[in-house]
Amino acid sequence: MVQGIVLPELLPDGTSLLKDADFDRRLHYGDASIGWVGDERLGVYLEDDRVCLMRLCEDGELRLIMRSKPGHRRLDTAALRFLAEHDTRSRRAYSAQEIIDHNRKLLADRERAAQDAREDAADRLHWALRKDAGQHEGGLRHRLYKPGTWKKDQ
């Protein structure tokens, strides 16, 4: 098959699924360029407007491996990269410390973003309160305002 061609596949509900021309071959037999070793037991299913990759396990159970966002109808190298990153048979082996460090970094980034949002909200609230107080106290809403400087000497 020619790599890089995206082919539509008609689904039973009348919609189409966009797949790389050789997606099924790479899904089942692997793609060394991205580290995916392949799995012949994986299949593509449509479930509640989502594309799912499910695996028929050794015990005869059909288990969900990956599910797309609702309405997402594309299977390409990105899906295989996701599988390769989360596969225990992958060439990439993760240590527990790497996972802990990654999670700590994510939490620190989220906390930093939340702190920035709180500081922005506090600045806006401070400005609004000064403006509101200035209406009642005679123009004290300006931060650099010094009382009496606008009046001429009498």
N, C-alpha and C. Protein backbone atom coordinates (compact mmCIF):
# COMPACT_ATOMS: atom_id res chain seq x y z
N MET A 1 0.83 -1.19 0.00
CA MET A 1 0.00 0.00 0.00
C MET A 1 0.88 1.25 0.00
N VAL A 2 0.30 2.32 -0.45
CA VAL A 2 1.00 3.59 -0.52
C VAL A 2 0.78 4.34 0.78
N GLN A 3 1.86 4.71 1.45
CA GLN A 3 1.73 5.41 2.71
C GLN A 3 1.47 6.88 2.45
N GLY A 4 0.64 7.51 3.26
CA GLY A 4 0.35 8.93 3.13
C GLY A 4 -0.99 9.21 2.48
N ILE A 5 -1.65 8.18 1.92
CA ILE A 5 -2.96 8.36 1.32
C ILE A 5 -4.01 8.07 2.39
N VAL A 6 -4.98 8.96 2.51
CA VAL A 6 -6.06 8.78 3.48
C VAL A 6 -7.30 8.35 2.71
N LEU A 7 -7.85 7.22 3.09
CA LEU A 7 -9.01 6.67 2.41
C LEU A 7 -10.23 6.73 3.33
N PRO A 8 -11.39 7.12 2.78
CA PRO A 8 -12.61 7.09 3.60
C PRO A 8 -13.19 5.67 3.61
N GLU A 9 -13.70 5.29 4.75
CA GLU A 9 -14.36 3.99 4.88
C GLU A 9 -15.77 4.26 5.38
N LEU A 10 -16.76 3.79 4.65
CA LEU A 10 -18.15 4.03 5.03
C LEU A 10 -18.52 3.17 6.22
N LEU A 11 -19.22 3.80 7.17
CA LEU A 11 -19.64 3.10 8.39
C LEU A 11 -21.13 2.79 8.30
N PRO A 12 -21.63 1.86 9.11
CA PRO A 12 -23.04 1.46 9.03
C PRO A 12 -24.03 2.61 9.26
N ASP A 13 -23.64 3.64 10.01
CA ASP A 13 -24.57 4.74 10.27
C ASP A 13 -24.56 5.79 9.15
N GLY A 14 -23.83 5.53 8.06
CA GLY A 14 -23.81 6.43 6.92
C GLY A 14 -22.69 7.44 6.94
N THR A 15 -21.94 7.53 8.03
CA THR A 15 -20.81 8.45 8.10
C THR A 15 -19.57 7.75 7.58
N SER A 16 -18.49 8.48 7.50
CA SER A 16 -17.26 7.86 7.00
C SER A 16 -16.15 8.00 8.04
N LEU A 17 -15.24 7.05 7.99
CA LEU A 17 -14.07 7.02 8.85
C LEU A 17 -12.85 7.21 7.95
N LEU A 18 -12.01 8.18 8.27
CA LEU A 18 -10.80 8.42 7.49
C LEU A 18 -9.67 7.61 8.08
N LYS A 19 -9.06 6.77 7.25
CA LYS A 19 -7.96 5.91 7.71
C LYS A 19 -6.81 6.02 6.73
N ASP A 20 -5.59 5.98 7.28
CA ASP A 20 -4.42 5.86 6.41
C ASP A 20 -4.56 4.56 5.62
N ALA A 21 -4.05 4.57 4.40
CA ALA A 21 -4.21 3.42 3.52
C ALA A 21 -3.64 2.15 4.12
N ASP A 22 -2.57 2.25 4.88
CA ASP A 22 -1.96 1.05 5.46
C ASP A 22 -2.12 0.99 6.97
N PHE A 23 -3.15 1.63 7.51
CA PHE A 23 -3.35 1.67 8.96
C PHE A 23 -3.55 0.27 9.54
N ASP A 24 -4.40 -0.52 8.90
CA ASP A 24 -4.69 -1.86 9.44
C ASP A 24 -3.43 -2.73 9.49
N ARG A 25 -2.62 -2.65 8.43
CA ARG A 25 -1.39 -3.44 8.41
C ARG A 25 -0.46 -3.00 9.53
N ARG A 26 -0.29 -1.68 9.71
CA ARG A 26 0.59 -1.18 10.76
C ARG A 26 0.01 -1.44 12.14
N LEU A 27 -1.31 -1.41 12.28
CA LEU A 27 -1.95 -1.71 13.57
C LEU A 27 -1.68 -3.16 13.97
N HIS A 28 -1.81 -4.07 13.03
CA HIS A 28 -1.66 -5.49 13.35
C HIS A 28 -0.22 -5.99 13.35
N TYR A 29 0.62 -5.45 12.47
CA TYR A 29 1.97 -5.99 12.33
C TYR A 29 3.07 -5.03 12.78
N GLY A 30 2.70 -3.84 13.22
CA GLY A 30 3.67 -2.93 13.80
C GLY A 30 4.22 -1.90 12.83
N ASP A 31 4.85 -0.90 13.41
CA ASP A 31 5.50 0.17 12.66
C ASP A 31 6.75 0.55 13.46
N ALA A 32 7.90 0.10 12.98
CA ALA A 32 9.15 0.32 13.72
C ALA A 32 9.53 1.79 13.79
N SER A 33 9.07 2.61 12.85
CA SER A 33 9.46 4.02 12.85
C SER A 33 8.91 4.77 14.06
N ILE A 34 7.82 4.29 14.65
CA ILE A 34 7.25 4.96 15.82
C ILE A 34 7.33 4.09 17.07
N GLY A 35 7.87 2.88 16.96
CA GLY A 35 8.04 2.03 18.13
C GLY A 35 6.86 1.15 18.44
N TRP A 36 5.91 1.02 17.53
CA TRP A 36 4.74 0.17 17.76
C TRP A 36 5.05 -1.23 17.25
N VAL A 37 4.91 -2.23 18.12
CA VAL A 37 5.25 -3.60 17.74
C VAL A 37 4.09 -4.32 17.06
N GLY A 38 2.89 -3.78 17.15
CA GLY A 38 1.73 -4.39 16.50
C GLY A 38 1.01 -5.37 17.40
N ASP A 39 -0.26 -5.59 17.08
CA ASP A 39 -1.08 -6.54 17.84
C ASP A 39 -2.18 -7.03 16.91
N GLU A 40 -2.14 -8.32 16.57
CA GLU A 40 -3.12 -8.89 15.65
C GLU A 40 -4.50 -9.03 16.27
N ARG A 41 -4.62 -8.88 17.57
CA ARG A 41 -5.90 -9.04 18.25
C ARG A 41 -6.68 -7.73 18.35
N LEU A 42 -6.14 -6.62 17.84
CA LEU A 42 -6.83 -5.34 17.89
C LEU A 42 -7.79 -5.19 16.72
N GLY A 43 -8.92 -4.55 16.99
CA GLY A 43 -9.91 -4.28 15.95
C GLY A 43 -10.50 -2.90 16.12
N VAL A 44 -11.02 -2.34 15.04
CA VAL A 44 -11.62 -1.00 15.04
C VAL A 44 -13.13 -1.16 15.13
N TYR A 45 -13.73 -0.43 16.09
CA TYR A 45 -15.17 -0.50 16.31
C TYR A 45 -15.73 0.91 16.41
N LEU A 46 -17.03 1.05 16.13
CA LEU A 46 -17.74 2.32 16.30
C LEU A 46 -18.70 2.16 17.46
N GLU A 47 -18.61 3.07 18.44
CA GLU A 47 -19.44 2.97 19.64
C GLU A 47 -19.85 4.38 20.08
N ASP A 48 -21.13 4.69 20.04
CA ASP A 48 -21.66 5.97 20.52
C ASP A 48 -20.93 7.16 19.90
N ASP A 49 -20.83 7.22 18.59
CA ASP A 49 -20.19 8.31 17.85
C ASP A 49 -18.70 8.44 18.19
N ARG A 50 -18.08 7.36 18.63
CA ARG A 50 -16.65 7.32 18.91
C ARG A 50 -16.03 6.13 18.20
N VAL A 51 -14.82 6.30 17.77
CA VAL A 51 -14.06 5.20 17.19
C VAL A 51 -13.28 4.56 18.32
N CYS A 52 -13.40 3.24 18.46
CA CYS A 52 -12.74 2.52 19.54
C CYS A 52 -11.80 1.46 18.96
N LEU A 53 -10.68 1.28 19.62
CA LEU A 53 -9.81 0.15 19.33
C LEU A 53 -10.00 -0.82 20.49
N MET A 54 -10.45 -2.03 20.15
CA MET A 54 -10.71 -3.04 21.17
C MET A 54 -9.85 -4.26 20.88
N ARG A 55 -9.52 -4.98 21.95
CA ARG A 55 -8.64 -6.15 21.84
C ARG A 55 -9.38 -7.38 22.33
N LEU A 56 -9.33 -8.43 21.54
CA LEU A 56 -9.86 -9.72 21.95
C LEU A 56 -8.77 -10.41 22.76
N CYS A 57 -8.92 -10.41 24.07
CA CYS A 57 -7.88 -10.93 24.97
C CYS A 57 -7.89 -12.46 25.00
N GLU A 58 -6.88 -13.03 25.62
CA GLU A 58 -6.69 -14.47 25.68
C GLU A 58 -7.83 -15.18 26.40
N ASP A 59 -8.48 -14.47 27.33
CA ASP A 59 -9.58 -15.09 28.07
C ASP A 59 -10.92 -14.98 27.33
N GLY A 60 -10.90 -14.48 26.10
CA GLY A 60 -12.11 -14.39 25.29
C GLY A 60 -12.90 -13.12 25.48
N GLU A 61 -12.45 -12.22 26.33
CA GLU A 61 -13.13 -10.95 26.58
C GLU A 61 -12.67 -9.89 25.58
N LEU A 62 -13.61 -9.07 25.14
CA LEU A 62 -13.30 -7.95 24.27
C LEU A 62 -13.11 -6.72 25.15
N ARG A 63 -11.89 -6.18 25.20
CA ARG A 63 -11.57 -5.08 26.11
C ARG A 63 -11.22 -3.82 25.33
N LEU A 64 -11.68 -2.70 25.88
CA LEU A 64 -11.42 -1.39 25.27
C LEU A 64 -9.96 -1.00 25.51
N ILE A 65 -9.26 -0.62 24.45
CA ILE A 65 -7.87 -0.21 24.54
C ILE A 65 -7.75 1.30 24.36
N MET A 66 -8.49 1.84 23.40
CA MET A 66 -8.41 3.27 23.11
C MET A 66 -9.76 3.73 22.57
N ARG A 67 -10.17 4.94 22.98
CA ARG A 67 -11.43 5.50 22.51
C ARG A 67 -11.18 6.95 22.08
N SER A 68 -11.75 7.33 20.96
CA SER A 68 -11.57 8.70 20.47
C SER A 68 -12.55 9.65 21.14
N LYS A 69 -12.37 10.91 20.91
CA LYS A 69 -13.33 11.91 21.36
C LYS A 69 -14.60 11.77 20.52
N PRO A 70 -15.75 12.20 21.04
CA PRO A 70 -16.98 12.10 20.24
C PRO A 70 -16.84 12.88 18.93
N GLY A 71 -17.26 12.24 17.85
CA GLY A 71 -17.23 12.88 16.55
C GLY A 71 -15.90 12.79 15.82
N HIS A 72 -14.86 12.32 16.49
CA HIS A 72 -13.53 12.22 15.85
C HIS A 72 -13.53 10.96 15.00
N ARG A 73 -13.32 11.13 13.71
CA ARG A 73 -13.41 10.01 12.77
C ARG A 73 -12.14 9.90 11.94
N ARG A 74 -11.00 9.75 12.58
CA ARG A 74 -9.75 9.64 11.82
C ARG A 74 -8.80 8.69 12.54
N LEU A 75 -8.25 7.75 11.81
CA LEU A 75 -7.25 6.83 12.34
C LEU A 75 -5.99 6.98 11.49
N ASP A 76 -4.92 7.41 12.15
CA ASP A 76 -3.68 7.64 11.43
C ASP A 76 -2.50 7.34 12.35
N THR A 77 -1.35 7.85 12.02
CA THR A 77 -0.14 7.59 12.78
C THR A 77 -0.25 8.08 14.22
N ALA A 78 -1.03 9.13 14.46
CA ALA A 78 -1.18 9.64 15.82
C ALA A 78 -1.77 8.57 16.74
N ALA A 79 -2.73 7.79 16.25
CA ALA A 79 -3.31 6.72 17.06
C ALA A 79 -2.26 5.65 17.37
N LEU A 80 -1.44 5.32 16.38
CA LEU A 80 -0.39 4.33 16.60
C LEU A 80 0.67 4.84 17.58
N ARG A 81 0.97 6.13 17.51
CA ARG A 81 1.93 6.70 18.46
C ARG A 81 1.38 6.61 19.88
N PHE A 82 0.09 6.91 20.04
CA PHE A 82 -0.55 6.80 21.35
C PHE A 82 -0.46 5.37 21.87
N LEU A 83 -0.75 4.41 21.01
CA LEU A 83 -0.66 3.01 21.42
C LEU A 83 0.77 2.64 21.81
N ALA A 84 1.74 3.10 21.03
CA ALA A 84 3.14 2.77 21.32
C ALA A 84 3.59 3.37 22.65
N GLU A 85 3.13 4.59 22.96
CA GLU A 85 3.51 5.24 24.22
C GLU A 85 2.94 4.52 25.43
N HIS A 86 1.77 3.88 25.27
CA HIS A 86 1.09 3.27 26.40
C HIS A 86 1.19 1.74 26.40
N ASP A 87 1.97 1.18 25.51
CA ASP A 87 2.10 -0.27 25.44
C ASP A 87 3.24 -0.74 26.33
N THR A 88 2.99 -1.77 27.12
CA THR A 88 4.03 -2.29 28.01
C THR A 88 5.10 -3.05 27.24
N ARG A 89 4.79 -3.49 26.01
CA ARG A 89 5.77 -4.19 25.20
C ARG A 89 6.61 -3.24 24.36
N SER A 90 6.37 -1.97 24.49
CA SER A 90 7.07 -0.97 23.69
C SER A 90 8.57 -0.95 24.02
N ARG A 91 9.33 -0.44 23.09
CA ARG A 91 10.78 -0.29 23.33
C ARG A 91 11.03 0.73 24.42
N ARG A 92 10.10 1.63 24.63
CA ARG A 92 10.26 2.69 25.62
C ARG A 92 9.80 2.15 26.97
N ALA A 93 10.71 1.97 27.89
CA ALA A 93 10.36 1.49 29.22
C ALA A 93 10.39 2.66 30.20
N TYR A 94 9.33 2.80 30.97
CA TYR A 94 9.23 3.89 31.92
C TYR A 94 9.55 3.39 33.32
N SER A 95 10.28 4.20 34.05
CA SER A 95 10.51 3.86 35.45
C SER A 95 9.45 4.57 36.29
N ALA A 96 9.25 4.10 37.48
CA ALA A 96 8.26 4.71 38.36
C ALA A 96 8.64 6.15 38.68
N GLN A 97 9.93 6.42 38.83
CA GLN A 97 10.38 7.78 39.16
C GLN A 97 10.09 8.74 38.01
N GLU A 98 10.24 8.28 36.76
CA GLU A 98 9.92 9.13 35.61
C GLU A 98 8.46 9.52 35.61
N ILE A 99 7.60 8.58 35.93
CA ILE A 99 6.16 8.85 35.96
C ILE A 99 5.83 9.81 37.08
N ILE A 100 6.41 9.62 38.26
CA ILE A 100 6.17 10.52 39.38
C ILE A 100 6.65 11.93 39.06
N ASP A 101 7.85 12.05 38.47
CA ASP A 101 8.38 13.37 38.11
C ASP A 101 7.49 14.05 37.07
N HIS A 102 7.02 13.29 36.09
CA HIS A 102 6.15 13.85 35.05
C HIS A 102 4.84 14.35 35.67
N ASN A 103 4.25 13.56 36.56
CA ASN A 103 3.00 13.96 37.21
C ASN A 103 3.20 15.20 38.09
N ARG A 104 4.33 15.26 38.80
CA ARG A 104 4.61 16.44 39.62
C ARG A 104 4.75 17.69 38.76
N LYS A 105 5.41 17.55 37.60
CA LYS A 105 5.57 18.68 36.69
C LYS A 105 4.20 19.15 36.18
N LEU A 106 3.32 18.21 35.83
CA LEU A 106 1.99 18.58 35.38
C LEU A 106 1.21 19.30 36.47
N LEU A 107 1.28 18.80 37.69
CA LEU A 107 0.58 19.45 38.80
C LEU A 107 1.13 20.84 39.06
N ALA A 108 2.46 21.00 38.99
CA ALA A 108 3.06 22.32 39.20
C ALA A 108 2.63 23.29 38.11
N ASP A 109 2.57 22.83 36.86
CA ASP A 109 2.11 23.69 35.76
C ASP A 109 0.67 24.11 35.95
N ARG A 110 -0.18 23.17 36.38
CA ARG A 110 -1.59 23.51 36.63
C ARG A 110 -1.72 24.51 37.77
N GLU A 111 -0.95 24.31 38.83
CA GLU A 111 -1.00 25.23 39.97
C GLU A 111 -0.53 26.62 39.57
N ARG A 112 0.54 26.68 38.75
CA ARG A 112 1.05 27.96 38.29
C ARG A 112 0.00 28.68 37.43
N ALA A 113 -0.68 27.96 36.56
CA ALA A 113 -1.72 28.56 35.72
C ALA A 113 -2.88 29.05 36.58
N ALA A 114 -3.26 28.25 37.58
CA ALA A 114 -4.34 28.67 38.48
C ALA A 114 -3.94 29.90 39.29
N GLN A 115 -2.69 29.95 39.75
CA GLN A 115 -2.20 31.11 40.50
C GLN A 115 -2.23 32.37 39.62
N ASP A 116 -1.80 32.24 38.37
CA ASP A 116 -1.84 33.38 37.45
C ASP A 116 -3.26 33.86 37.24
N ALA A 117 -4.20 32.94 37.11
CA ALA A 117 -5.60 33.32 36.93
C ALA A 117 -6.14 34.02 38.18
N ARG A 118 -5.77 33.52 39.36
CA ARG A 118 -6.22 34.17 40.60
C ARG A 118 -5.62 35.56 40.75
N GLU A 119 -4.35 35.72 40.38
CA GLU A 119 -3.72 37.04 40.46
C GLU A 119 -4.37 38.02 39.50
N ASP A 120 -4.71 37.56 38.31
CA ASP A 120 -5.38 38.42 37.35
C ASP A 120 -6.75 38.84 37.87
N ALA A 121 -7.49 37.90 38.44
CA ALA A 121 -8.80 38.22 38.99
C ALA A 121 -8.67 39.18 40.17
N ALA A 122 -7.65 39.00 41.00
CA ALA A 122 -7.44 39.90 42.13
C ALA A 122 -7.11 41.31 41.65
N ASP A 123 -6.29 41.44 40.61
CA ASP A 123 -5.98 42.76 40.07
C ASP A 123 -7.23 43.43 39.53
N ARG A 124 -8.06 42.68 38.83
CA ARG A 124 -9.30 43.26 38.29
C ARG A 124 -10.24 43.68 39.41
N LEU A 125 -10.34 42.86 40.44
CA LEU A 125 -11.19 43.19 41.57
C LEU A 125 -10.67 44.43 42.29
N HIS A 126 -9.35 44.52 42.47
CA HIS A 126 -8.75 45.67 43.12
C HIS A 126 -9.06 46.95 42.34
N TRP A 127 -8.90 46.88 41.02
CA TRP A 127 -9.18 48.04 40.18
C TRP A 127 -10.66 48.43 40.28
N ALA A 128 -11.56 47.44 40.25
CA ALA A 128 -12.99 47.73 40.32
C ALA A 128 -13.36 48.35 41.66
N LEU A 129 -12.77 47.85 42.75
CA LEU A 129 -13.07 48.42 44.06
C LEU A 129 -12.56 49.85 44.19
N ARG A 130 -11.36 50.11 43.66
CA ARG A 130 -10.83 51.48 43.70
C ARG A 130 -11.71 52.41 42.88
N LYS A 131 -12.16 51.93 41.73
CA LYS A 131 -13.02 52.75 40.87
C LYS A 131 -14.34 53.02 41.56
N ASP A 132 -14.92 51.99 42.18
CA ASP A 132 -16.19 52.15 42.88
C ASP A 132 -16.04 53.08 44.07
N ALA A 133 -14.97 52.91 44.83
CA ALA A 133 -14.74 53.78 45.98
C ALA A 133 -14.48 55.22 45.53
N GLY A 134 -13.86 55.39 44.39
CA GLY A 134 -13.58 56.72 43.87
C GLY A 134 -14.84 57.48 43.53
N GLN A 135 -15.87 56.79 43.13
CA GLN A 135 -17.13 57.45 42.82
C GLN A 135 -17.77 58.03 44.09
N HIS A 136 -17.54 57.39 45.21
CA HIS A 136 -18.16 57.82 46.46
C HIS A 136 -17.24 58.71 47.29
N GLU A 137 -15.96 58.65 47.06
CA GLU A 137 -15.01 59.38 47.90
C GLU A 137 -14.37 60.57 47.19
N GLY A 138 -14.86 60.90 46.01
CA GLY A 138 -14.36 62.11 45.36
C GLY A 138 -13.15 61.90 44.47
N GLY A 139 -13.13 60.87 43.70
CA GLY A 139 -12.08 60.71 42.71
C GLY A 139 -10.83 60.02 43.18
N LEU A 140 -10.91 59.16 44.13
CA LEU A 140 -9.72 58.46 44.62
C LEU A 140 -9.45 57.17 43.85
N ARG A 141 -10.00 57.04 42.67
CA ARG A 141 -9.83 55.81 41.93
C ARG A 141 -8.49 55.73 41.21
N HIS A 142 -7.80 56.85 41.04
CA HIS A 142 -6.52 56.84 40.35
C HIS A 142 -5.42 56.52 41.34
N ARG A 143 -4.57 55.59 40.98
CA ARG A 143 -3.54 55.12 41.90
C ARG A 143 -2.48 56.19 42.17
N LEU A 144 -2.18 57.01 41.20
CA LEU A 144 -1.14 58.02 41.37
C LEU A 144 -1.73 59.39 41.74
N TYR A 145 -2.96 59.41 42.12
CA TYR A 145 -3.64 60.66 42.45
C TYR A 145 -3.21 61.15 43.83
N LYS A 146 -2.85 62.39 43.88
CA LYS A 146 -2.56 63.02 45.17
C LYS A 146 -3.63 64.08 45.40
N PRO A 147 -4.31 64.01 46.51
CA PRO A 147 -5.39 64.97 46.75
C PRO A 147 -4.87 66.43 46.69
N GLY A 148 -5.64 67.24 46.01
CA GLY A 148 -5.32 68.67 45.97
C GLY A 148 -4.40 69.07 44.84
N THR A 149 -3.79 68.19 44.11
CA THR A 149 -2.85 68.58 43.07
C THR A 149 -3.58 69.15 41.85
N TRP A 150 -4.84 68.84 41.68
CA TRP A 150 -5.57 69.34 40.53
C TRP A 150 -6.14 70.73 40.78
N LYS A 151 -6.19 71.10 42.04
CA LYS A 151 -6.74 72.42 42.37
C LYS A 151 -5.66 73.47 42.22
N LYS A 152 -6.07 74.61 41.77
CA LYS A 152 -5.13 75.73 41.68
C LYS A 152 -5.02 76.37 43.06
N ASP A 153 -3.91 77.02 43.29
CA ASP A 153 -3.75 77.70 44.57
C ASP A 153 -4.82 78.75 44.73
N GLN A 154 -5.41 78.83 45.88
CA GLN A 154 -6.51 79.78 46.11
C GLN A 154 -6.07 80.92 46.96
